[in-house]
Each structure stands twice: as C-alpha cells, then as structure tokens.
Amino acid sequence: MVLKPITRRLVPDDVFDQLLGEVVDGSLGPGDPLPSERRLAELLGVSRPAVREALQRMSATRLVEVRHGGTTTVRDFQQYAGLDLLPRLLVRNGELDPDVARSVVEARYAIAPGMVRLATQRAARARQPVVEALHAAVEALAAADSPLERQRAALAYWDKLVDLADSLVFRLLFNNLRQAYEPAMEALAPLLEGEVSNLDGYRAVVRAVLAGDADAAAAAADELLRPATEAIVTFLEDFEDTDEGDDR
C-alpha cells in the first residue's frame, strides 16, 4: 500500500480519497485489514482525529467494516457500496474515470424509458403546476445559448419528469446520477451537444407523456438518448484502449 503524506490543514477528505483509491484500485482487497488509526496518522502525516473522521466516512459508505476488537477490514465495494459513492468514483485525483463514466451514461439510458412510462401513467392526475413546470423546462432548454447551459437545462428537464413520475426510488437514482454526472459536464459537452440541441426529441417525450401514451413516451426517450449514449460509450472505450496502449 503506497500512501502519500498530506500537508493541508483540513485533511479528512484527502485521507478518505487516498483510502478510497487504495480500495477501488485493488491495492487493498476485500478482507484486508487497514493499519491502525495511529499508524495511518503516521504514514499520512496527519492527526488521528482526521484519520478517525475519514474512517467513519469509509464505514458510512460501507467500504470498510469495523469488527469486534477494533480491527477495520476492507469490504468489496462492488458488493456493498451505494450510489452515493458515484461522484467520488467518477472523478478521482482530478481525472475522469472512463469506466465509471461509461456506467453512468449507460444507466441513464437504461433508466429513462421506465421513468417516463411511470410519468405517463401519473400525468393524468398530476397537478397543473407540475405540468406547467415541464413545459417551462422545455422552453428553458430552447433558450439556452451555450453547450454547458443546454446540459444544465436538460438536467432540469429530466428533473421535472422525475417529479411527474412521483417515485422516491427514481428520485434518489436521478439525484445520485446527477451528482456523479455534474463534475464531468464540461468534459462531456462536445459528445452531448447533439442530444441537448435536439428540441424536437425533448418535445416528443413531453407530448407522449401528456397524451398518456406510455409506449410512445418510452420510445421517444430511447430515441433521444441512444445516439449520445452510443457516442460516449464508443469514445470512452477508445480512450481506455489508448490509455492502456500508452502504459505498455
């Protein structure tokens, strides 16, 4: 395990990020014990309270397990961690993780048709302000005048559709995917410009939802999201291949 000394005064985030990196990269595997709190403080050059706070975060995100007797062992994060970890995984050490980014855009594409189906079922009994907010979101997207603004307006649009779906699970999924996606918005802007500029596609989803046609709404969502999803996945796979080739 290679840990680097931390020199900043407020350091729990830095400690957490280093330990997270060791777990995600496999330097610390499931079942491996962590060094003692005192030993970690020595290795990192920080105070024990900073280490203790970081370990509490590791435990809260289910990355480690504190066993009887005080031993802290690593868990398999792919088995135990939740979506709240996504933002930390997507951008680490200032760099976008292409594998995690691919997972985020694939999940977005897979989830959207089901969510708009549910929104369609509930649109008939939705309160008028919710419907008006959805129309306003489309117009805000039309008025956006830069790729980054269009991405933000598109997120607001999907946010209103999640409101219409009135599902706590879809809401929490959307929140976590958005939190993971927002740090990468600028990097993904060129690949998403075709999608966020497709006003007809966004309007087609809204028309089908408000008309009560769940099949048409799901198909419109699929048609809207598929091109950018395929482009991003291809780009990220090519990026990973290039990166691996440079490491050889």
C-alpha atoms as a PDB file:
ATOM      1  CA  MET A   1       0.000   0.000   0.000  1.00  0.00           C
ATOM      2  CA  VAL A   2       1.521   3.333  -1.084  1.00  0.00           C
ATOM      3  CA  LEU A   3       0.236   6.370   0.813  1.00  0.00           C
ATOM      4  CA  LYS A   4       1.446   9.939   0.320  1.00  0.00           C
ATOM      5  CA  PRO A   5       1.867  12.472   3.143  1.00  0.00           C
ATOM      6  CA  ILE A   6      -0.814  15.142   3.258  1.00  0.00           C
ATOM      7  CA  THR A   7       0.253  18.695   4.070  1.00  0.00           C
ATOM      8  CA  ARG A   8      -3.006  20.689   4.080  1.00  0.00           C
ATOM      9  CA  ARG A   9      -4.543  21.629   7.443  1.00  0.00           C
ATOM     10  CA  LEU A  10      -8.073  20.384   6.733  1.00  0.00           C
ATOM     11  CA  VAL A  11      -7.447  16.843   5.613  1.00  0.00           C
ATOM     12  CA  PRO A  12     -10.257  14.300   6.252  1.00  0.00           C
ATOM     13  CA  ASP A  13     -11.335  14.484   2.587  1.00  0.00           C
ATOM     14  CA  ASP A  14      -7.769  13.846   1.447  1.00  0.00           C
ATOM     15  CA  VAL A  15      -7.405  10.879   3.782  1.00  0.00           C
ATOM     16  CA  PHE A  16     -10.722   9.479   2.573  1.00  0.00           C
ATOM     17  CA  ASP A  17      -9.750   9.940  -1.080  1.00  0.00           C
ATOM     18  CA  GLN A  18      -6.425   8.156  -0.636  1.00  0.00           C
ATOM     19  CA  LEU A  19      -8.008   5.229   1.179  1.00  0.00           C
ATOM     20  CA  LEU A  20     -10.821   5.109  -1.389  1.00  0.00           C
ATOM     21  CA  GLY A  21      -8.232   4.953  -4.162  1.00  0.00           C
ATOM     22  CA  GLU A  22      -6.476   2.044  -2.481  1.00  0.00           C
ATOM     23  CA  VAL A  23      -9.771   0.142  -2.201  1.00  0.00           C
ATOM     24  CA  VAL A  24     -11.082   0.896  -5.714  1.00  0.00           C
ATOM     25  CA  ASP A  25      -7.739   0.236  -7.412  1.00  0.00           C
ATOM     26  CA  GLY A  26      -7.379  -3.092  -5.631  1.00  0.00           C
ATOM     27  CA  SER A  27      -4.283  -2.258  -3.590  1.00  0.00           C
ATOM     28  CA  LEU A  28      -6.461  -3.079  -0.600  1.00  0.00           C
ATOM     29  CA  GLY A  29      -8.667  -6.078  -1.304  1.00  0.00           C
ATOM     30  CA  PRO A  30     -11.792  -7.404   0.423  1.00  0.00           C
ATOM     31  CA  GLY A  31     -10.913  -8.745   3.859  1.00  0.00           C
ATOM     32  CA  ASP A  32      -7.598  -6.890   4.089  1.00  0.00           C
ATOM     33  CA  PRO A  33      -7.077  -5.144   7.429  1.00  0.00           C
ATOM     34  CA  LEU A  34      -6.324  -1.443   7.495  1.00  0.00           C
ATOM     35  CA  PRO A  35      -3.391  -0.204   9.546  1.00  0.00           C
ATOM     36  CA  SER A  36      -4.302   1.096  12.973  1.00  0.00           C
ATOM     37  CA  GLU A  37      -5.577   4.646  13.324  1.00  0.00           C
ATOM     38  CA  ARG A  38      -2.269   5.673  14.850  1.00  0.00           C
ATOM     39  CA  ARG A  39      -0.249   4.012  12.090  1.00  0.00           C
ATOM     40  CA  LEU A  40      -2.335   5.666   9.356  1.00  0.00           C
ATOM     41  CA  ALA A  41      -1.801   9.033  11.009  1.00  0.00           C
ATOM     42  CA  GLU A  42       1.940   8.417  10.967  1.00  0.00           C
ATOM     43  CA  LEU A  43       2.003   7.260   7.345  1.00  0.00           C
ATOM     44  CA  LEU A  44      -0.063  10.190   6.126  1.00  0.00           C
ATOM     45  CA  GLY A  45       1.461  12.818   8.367  1.00  0.00           C
ATOM     46  CA  VAL A  46      -1.895  13.929   9.751  1.00  0.00           C
ATOM     47  CA  SER A  47      -3.679  13.954  13.084  1.00  0.00           C
ATOM     48  CA  ARG A  48      -5.545  10.964  14.457  1.00  0.00           C
ATOM     49  CA  PRO A  49      -8.868  12.896  14.535  1.00  0.00           C
ATOM     50  CA  ALA A  50      -8.522  13.481  10.763  1.00  0.00           C
ATOM     51  CA  VAL A  51      -7.926   9.762  10.220  1.00  0.00           C
ATOM     52  CA  ARG A  52     -10.810   8.887  12.532  1.00  0.00           C
ATOM     53  CA  GLU A  53     -13.222  11.111  10.574  1.00  0.00           C
ATOM     54  CA  ALA A  54     -12.094   9.608   7.271  1.00  0.00           C
ATOM     55  CA  LEU A  55     -12.552   6.078   8.620  1.00  0.00           C
ATOM     56  CA  GLN A  56     -16.039   6.993   9.822  1.00  0.00           C
ATOM     57  CA  ARG A  57     -16.853   8.087   6.270  1.00  0.00           C
ATOM     58  CA  MET A  58     -15.407   4.860   4.909  1.00  0.00           C
ATOM     59  CA  SER A  59     -17.659   2.934   7.279  1.00  0.00           C
ATOM     60  CA  ALA A  60     -20.722   5.069   6.416  1.00  0.00           C
ATOM     61  CA  THR A  61     -20.217   4.345   2.702  1.00  0.00           C
ATOM     62  CA  ARG A  62     -19.824   0.627   3.504  1.00  0.00           C
ATOM     63  CA  LEU A  63     -16.259   0.480   2.213  1.00  0.00           C
ATOM     64  CA  VAL A  64     -14.889  -0.942   5.453  1.00  0.00           C
ATOM     65  CA  GLU A  65     -16.207  -2.947   8.360  1.00  0.00           C
ATOM     66  CA  VAL A  66     -15.192  -2.357  11.949  1.00  0.00           C
ATOM     67  CA  ARG A  67     -15.037  -5.767  13.595  1.00  0.00           C
ATOM     68  CA  HIS A  68     -15.107  -6.788  17.222  1.00  0.00           C
ATOM     69  CA  GLY A  69     -11.860  -5.769  18.879  1.00  0.00           C
ATOM     70  CA  GLY A  70     -11.409  -2.664  16.734  1.00  0.00           C
ATOM     71  CA  THR A  71      -9.949  -4.251  13.589  1.00  0.00           C
ATOM     72  CA  THR A  72     -11.041  -2.405  10.448  1.00  0.00           C
ATOM     73  CA  THR A  73     -11.230  -4.554   7.324  1.00  0.00           C
ATOM     74  CA  VAL A  74     -11.918  -3.688   3.694  1.00  0.00           C
ATOM     75  CA  ARG A  75     -15.211  -4.688   2.103  1.00  0.00           C
ATOM     76  CA  ASP A  76     -15.851  -5.494  -1.545  1.00  0.00           C
ATOM     77  CA  PHE A  77     -17.126  -2.062  -2.621  1.00  0.00           C
ATOM     78  CA  GLN A  78     -18.881  -3.513  -5.668  1.00  0.00           C
ATOM     79  CA  GLN A  79     -20.976  -5.678  -3.354  1.00  0.00           C
ATOM     80  CA  TYR A  80     -21.660  -3.231  -0.523  1.00  0.00           C
ATOM     81  CA  ALA A  81     -21.266   0.392  -1.649  1.00  0.00           C
ATOM     82  CA  GLY A  82     -24.238   2.505  -2.755  1.00  0.00           C
ATOM     83  CA  LEU A  83     -24.877   5.065  -5.455  1.00  0.00           C
ATOM     84  CA  ASP A  84     -23.760   7.819  -3.082  1.00  0.00           C
ATOM     85  CA  LEU A  85     -20.199   6.737  -3.874  1.00  0.00           C
ATOM     86  CA  LEU A  86     -20.549   7.502  -7.606  1.00  0.00           C
ATOM     87  CA  PRO A  87     -19.403  11.157  -7.504  1.00  0.00           C
ATOM     88  CA  ARG A  88     -16.247  10.099  -5.663  1.00  0.00           C
ATOM     89  CA  LEU A  89     -15.579   7.320  -8.162  1.00  0.00           C
ATOM     90  CA  LEU A  90     -16.251   9.298 -11.330  1.00  0.00           C
ATOM     91  CA  VAL A  91     -13.645  11.992 -10.728  1.00  0.00           C
ATOM     92  CA  ARG A  92     -10.618  10.997  -8.675  1.00  0.00           C
ATOM     93  CA  ASN A  93      -7.424  12.996  -8.347  1.00  0.00           C
ATOM     94  CA  GLY A  94      -8.875  15.483 -10.801  1.00  0.00           C
ATOM     95  CA  GLU A  95      -9.274  12.901 -13.569  1.00  0.00           C
ATOM     96  CA  LEU A  96     -12.376  11.351 -15.105  1.00  0.00           C
ATOM     97  CA  ASP A  97     -12.592   7.578 -14.700  1.00  0.00           C
ATOM     98  CA  PRO A  98     -13.786   6.423 -18.156  1.00  0.00           C
ATOM     99  CA  ASP A  99     -15.155   3.103 -16.902  1.00  0.00           C
ATOM    100  CA  VAL A 100     -17.324   4.795 -14.291  1.00  0.00           C
ATOM    101  CA  ALA A 101     -18.398   7.467 -16.805  1.00  0.00           C
ATOM    102  CA  ARG A 102     -19.492   4.731 -19.210  1.00  0.00           C
ATOM    103  CA  SER A 103     -21.526   3.103 -16.439  1.00  0.00           C
ATOM    104  CA  VAL A 104     -23.246   6.406 -15.641  1.00  0.00           C
ATOM    105  CA  VAL A 105     -24.346   7.122 -19.232  1.00  0.00           C
ATOM    106  CA  GLU A 106     -25.441   3.503 -19.736  1.00  0.00           C
ATOM    107  CA  ALA A 107     -27.518   3.640 -16.547  1.00  0.00           C
ATOM    108  CA  ARG A 108     -29.083   6.922 -17.640  1.00  0.00           C
ATOM    109  CA  TYR A 109     -30.090   5.355 -20.956  1.00  0.00           C
ATOM    110  CA  ALA A 110     -31.464   2.218 -19.306  1.00  0.00           C
ATOM    111  CA  ILE A 111     -33.467   4.023 -16.620  1.00  0.00           C
ATOM    112  CA  ALA A 112     -35.056   6.865 -18.618  1.00  0.00           C
ATOM    113  CA  PRO A 113     -37.655   4.863 -20.616  1.00  0.00           C
ATOM    114  CA  GLY A 114     -39.009   3.199 -17.466  1.00  0.00           C
ATOM    115  CA  MET A 115     -39.156   6.507 -15.653  1.00  0.00           C
ATOM    116  CA  VAL A 116     -41.093   8.236 -18.449  1.00  0.00           C
ATOM    117  CA  ARG A 117     -43.519   5.293 -18.570  1.00  0.00           C
ATOM    118  CA  LEU A 118     -44.287   5.923 -14.922  1.00  0.00           C
ATOM    119  CA  ALA A 119     -44.557   9.659 -15.542  1.00  0.00           C
ATOM    120  CA  THR A 120     -47.062   8.919 -18.319  1.00  0.00           C
ATOM    121  CA  GLN A 121     -49.215   6.815 -16.013  1.00  0.00           C
ATOM    122  CA  ARG A 122     -49.349   9.604 -13.451  1.00  0.00           C
ATOM    123  CA  ALA A 123     -49.599  12.585 -15.788  1.00  0.00           C
ATOM    124  CA  ALA A 124     -53.393  12.442 -15.953  1.00  0.00           C
ATOM    125  CA  ARG A 125     -53.703  13.139 -12.223  1.00  0.00           C
ATOM    126  CA  ALA A 126     -50.723  15.469 -11.956  1.00  0.00           C
ATOM    127  CA  ARG A 127     -51.282  18.943 -10.587  1.00  0.00           C
ATOM    128  CA  GLN A 128     -51.212  21.690 -13.187  1.00  0.00           C
ATOM    129  CA  PRO A 129     -48.073  23.394 -11.775  1.00  0.00           C
ATOM    130  CA  VAL A 130     -46.107  20.179 -12.354  1.00  0.00           C
ATOM    131  CA  VAL A 131     -47.232  20.043 -15.990  1.00  0.00           C
ATOM    132  CA  GLU A 132     -46.513  23.745 -16.457  1.00  0.00           C
ATOM    133  CA  ALA A 133     -43.029  23.276 -14.980  1.00  0.00           C
ATOM    134  CA  LEU A 134     -42.349  20.560 -17.545  1.00  0.00           C
ATOM    135  CA  HIS A 135     -43.349  22.862 -20.422  1.00  0.00           C
ATOM    136  CA  ALA A 136     -41.229  25.626 -18.901  1.00  0.00           C
ATOM    137  CA  ALA A 137     -38.241  23.256 -18.748  1.00  0.00           C
ATOM    138  CA  VAL A 138     -38.518  22.631 -22.491  1.00  0.00           C
ATOM    139  CA  GLU A 139     -38.635  26.365 -23.191  1.00  0.00           C
ATOM    140  CA  ALA A 140     -35.638  26.957 -20.926  1.00  0.00           C
ATOM    141  CA  LEU A 141     -33.751  24.362 -22.944  1.00  0.00           C
ATOM    142  CA  ALA A 142     -34.721  26.145 -26.150  1.00  0.00           C
ATOM    143  CA  ALA A 143     -33.475  29.447 -24.734  1.00  0.00           C
ATOM    144  CA  ALA A 144     -30.095  28.128 -23.548  1.00  0.00           C
ATOM    145  CA  ASP A 145     -27.316  29.565 -25.711  1.00  0.00           C
ATOM    146  CA  SER A 146     -24.231  27.512 -24.858  1.00  0.00           C
ATOM    147  CA  PRO A 147     -23.468  23.759 -24.693  1.00  0.00           C
ATOM    148  CA  LEU A 148     -22.990  23.881 -20.922  1.00  0.00           C
ATOM    149  CA  GLU A 149     -26.209  25.835 -20.373  1.00  0.00           C
ATOM    150  CA  ARG A 150     -28.062  23.358 -22.565  1.00  0.00           C
ATOM    151  CA  GLN A 151     -26.760  20.483 -20.462  1.00  0.00           C
ATOM    152  CA  ARG A 152     -27.929  22.192 -17.276  1.00  0.00           C
ATOM    153  CA  ALA A 153     -31.321  22.910 -18.846  1.00  0.00           C
ATOM    154  CA  ALA A 154     -31.582  19.261 -19.944  1.00  0.00           C
ATOM    155  CA  LEU A 155     -30.901  18.123 -16.376  1.00  0.00           C
ATOM    156  CA  ALA A 156     -33.677  20.447 -15.175  1.00  0.00           C
ATOM    157  CA  TYR A 157     -35.988  18.951 -17.819  1.00  0.00           C
ATOM    158  CA  TRP A 158     -35.373  15.397 -16.608  1.00  0.00           C
ATOM    159  CA  ASP A 159     -35.753  16.611 -13.036  1.00  0.00           C
ATOM    160  CA  LYS A 160     -39.316  17.722 -13.854  1.00  0.00           C
ATOM    161  CA  LEU A 161     -40.112  14.372 -15.459  1.00  0.00           C
ATOM    162  CA  VAL A 162     -38.879  12.626 -12.306  1.00  0.00           C
ATOM    163  CA  ASP A 163     -41.220  14.884 -10.315  1.00  0.00           C
ATOM    164  CA  LEU A 164     -44.059  13.790 -12.584  1.00  0.00           C
ATOM    165  CA  ALA A 165     -43.165  10.114 -12.103  1.00  0.00           C
ATOM    166  CA  ASP A 166     -43.607  10.662  -8.357  1.00  0.00           C
ATOM    167  CA  SER A 167     -41.325   7.773  -7.395  1.00  0.00           C
ATOM    168  CA  LEU A 168     -38.936   8.030  -4.452  1.00  0.00           C
ATOM    169  CA  VAL A 169     -36.631   5.385  -5.911  1.00  0.00           C
ATOM    170  CA  PHE A 170     -36.410   7.098  -9.305  1.00  0.00           C
ATOM    171  CA  ARG A 171     -35.849  10.403  -7.497  1.00  0.00           C
ATOM    172  CA  LEU A 172     -32.930   9.035  -5.467  1.00  0.00           C
ATOM    173  CA  LEU A 173     -31.452   7.319  -8.533  1.00  0.00           C
ATOM    174  CA  PHE A 174     -31.681  10.540 -10.510  1.00  0.00           C
ATOM    175  CA  ASN A 175     -30.122  12.567  -7.688  1.00  0.00           C
ATOM    176  CA  ASN A 176     -27.126  10.262  -7.444  1.00  0.00           C
ATOM    177  CA  LEU A 177     -26.608  10.040 -11.201  1.00  0.00           C
ATOM    178  CA  ARG A 178     -26.834  13.827 -11.464  1.00  0.00           C
ATOM    179  CA  GLN A 179     -24.305  14.331  -8.655  1.00  0.00           C
ATOM    180  CA  ALA A 180     -21.937  11.949 -10.394  1.00  0.00           C
ATOM    181  CA  TYR A 181     -22.505  13.494 -13.821  1.00  0.00           C
ATOM    182  CA  GLU A 182     -22.250  17.200 -12.987  1.00  0.00           C
ATOM    183  CA  PRO A 183     -18.459  17.235 -12.383  1.00  0.00           C
ATOM    184  CA  ALA A 184     -17.975  15.722 -15.860  1.00  0.00           C
ATOM    185  CA  MET A 185     -20.389  18.034 -17.717  1.00  0.00           C
ATOM    186  CA  GLU A 186     -17.720  20.186 -19.311  1.00  0.00           C
ATOM    187  CA  ALA A 187     -15.693  17.185 -20.473  1.00  0.00           C
ATOM    188  CA  LEU A 188     -18.768  15.504 -21.978  1.00  0.00           C
ATOM    189  CA  ALA A 189     -20.249  18.669 -23.528  1.00  0.00           C
ATOM    190  CA  PRO A 190     -18.989  18.014 -27.085  1.00  0.00           C
ATOM    191  CA  LEU A 191     -20.403  14.480 -27.074  1.00  0.00           C
ATOM    192  CA  LEU A 192     -23.770  15.560 -25.679  1.00  0.00           C
ATOM    193  CA  GLU A 193     -24.294  18.645 -27.830  1.00  0.00           C
ATOM    194  CA  GLY A 194     -26.291  16.740 -30.438  1.00  0.00           C
ATOM    195  CA  GLU A 195     -28.629  15.437 -27.761  1.00  0.00           C
ATOM    196  CA  VAL A 196     -29.183  18.657 -25.802  1.00  0.00           C
ATOM    197  CA  SER A 197     -29.773  20.536 -29.064  1.00  0.00           C
ATOM    198  CA  ASN A 198     -32.487  18.091 -30.156  1.00  0.00           C
ATOM    199  CA  LEU A 199     -35.512  20.127 -29.063  1.00  0.00           C
ATOM    200  CA  ASP A 200     -37.870  18.033 -31.185  1.00  0.00           C
ATOM    201  CA  GLY A 201     -36.751  14.966 -29.261  1.00  0.00           C
ATOM    202  CA  TYR A 202     -37.426  16.543 -25.865  1.00  0.00           C
ATOM    203  CA  ARG A 203     -40.795  17.829 -27.024  1.00  0.00           C
ATOM    204  CA  ALA A 204     -41.730  14.393 -28.398  1.00  0.00           C
ATOM    205  CA  VAL A 205     -41.228  12.864 -24.950  1.00  0.00           C
ATOM    206  CA  VAL A 206     -43.415  15.526 -23.324  1.00  0.00           C
ATOM    207  CA  ARG A 207     -46.174  15.165 -25.940  1.00  0.00           C
ATOM    208  CA  ALA A 208     -46.332  11.403 -25.482  1.00  0.00           C
ATOM    209  CA  VAL A 209     -46.272  11.655 -21.676  1.00  0.00           C
ATOM    210  CA  LEU A 210     -49.079  14.215 -21.537  1.00  0.00           C
ATOM    211  CA  ALA A 211     -51.070  12.297 -24.164  1.00  0.00           C
ATOM    212  CA  GLY A 212     -50.974   9.231 -21.936  1.00  0.00           C
ATOM    213  CA  ASP A 213     -49.098   7.065 -24.466  1.00  0.00           C
ATOM    214  CA  ALA A 214     -46.525   5.198 -22.364  1.00  0.00           C
ATOM    215  CA  ASP A 215     -45.125   3.174 -25.257  1.00  0.00           C
ATOM    216  CA  ALA A 216     -44.579   6.283 -27.371  1.00  0.00           C
ATOM    217  CA  ALA A 217     -43.019   8.120 -24.421  1.00  0.00           C
ATOM    218  CA  ALA A 218     -40.568   5.294 -23.744  1.00  0.00           C
ATOM    219  CA  ALA A 219     -39.694   5.046 -27.444  1.00  0.00           C
ATOM    220  CA  ALA A 220     -39.170   8.814 -27.659  1.00  0.00           C
ATOM    221  CA  ALA A 221     -36.863   8.743 -24.611  1.00  0.00           C
ATOM    222  CA  ASP A 222     -34.907   5.880 -26.144  1.00  0.00           C
ATOM    223  CA  GLU A 223     -34.585   7.700 -29.457  1.00  0.00           C
ATOM    224  CA  LEU A 224     -33.498  10.910 -27.724  1.00  0.00           C
ATOM    225  CA  LEU A 225     -30.813   9.330 -25.545  1.00  0.00           C
ATOM    226  CA  ARG A 226     -29.461   6.485 -27.697  1.00  0.00           C
ATOM    227  CA  PRO A 227     -27.211   8.443 -30.139  1.00  0.00           C
ATOM    228  CA  ALA A 228     -25.265  10.313 -27.453  1.00  0.00           C
ATOM    229  CA  THR A 229     -25.070   7.216 -25.262  1.00  0.00           C
ATOM    230  CA  GLU A 230     -23.552   5.179 -28.084  1.00  0.00           C
ATOM    231  CA  ALA A 231     -21.155   8.011 -28.980  1.00  0.00           C
ATOM    232  CA  ILE A 232     -19.988   8.452 -25.380  1.00  0.00           C
ATOM    233  CA  VAL A 233     -19.552   4.723 -24.802  1.00  0.00           C
ATOM    234  CA  THR A 234     -17.511   4.393 -28.008  1.00  0.00           C
ATOM    235  CA  PHE A 235     -15.399   7.422 -27.094  1.00  0.00           C
ATOM    236  CA  LEU A 236     -14.711   6.153 -23.578  1.00  0.00           C
ATOM    237  CA  GLU A 237     -13.855   2.651 -24.780  1.00  0.00           C
ATOM    238  CA  ASP A 238     -11.439   4.110 -27.350  1.00  0.00           C
ATOM    239  CA  PHE A 239      -9.971   6.344 -24.641  1.00  0.00           C
ATOM    240  CA  GLU A 240      -9.400   3.363 -22.354  1.00  0.00           C
ATOM    241  CA  ASP A 241      -7.758   1.400 -25.179  1.00  0.00           C
ATOM    242  CA  THR A 242      -5.456   4.333 -25.970  1.00  0.00           C
ATOM    243  CA  ASP A 243      -4.597   4.821 -22.317  1.00  0.00           C
ATOM    244  CA  GLU A 244      -3.795   1.139 -21.880  1.00  0.00           C
ATOM    245  CA  GLY A 245      -1.636   1.233 -25.021  1.00  0.00           C
ATOM    246  CA  ASP A 246       0.335   4.200 -23.639  1.00  0.00           C
ATOM    247  CA  ASP A 247       1.004   2.256 -20.430  1.00  0.00           C
ATOM    248  CA  ARG A 248       2.566  -0.665 -22.275  1.00  0.00           C
END
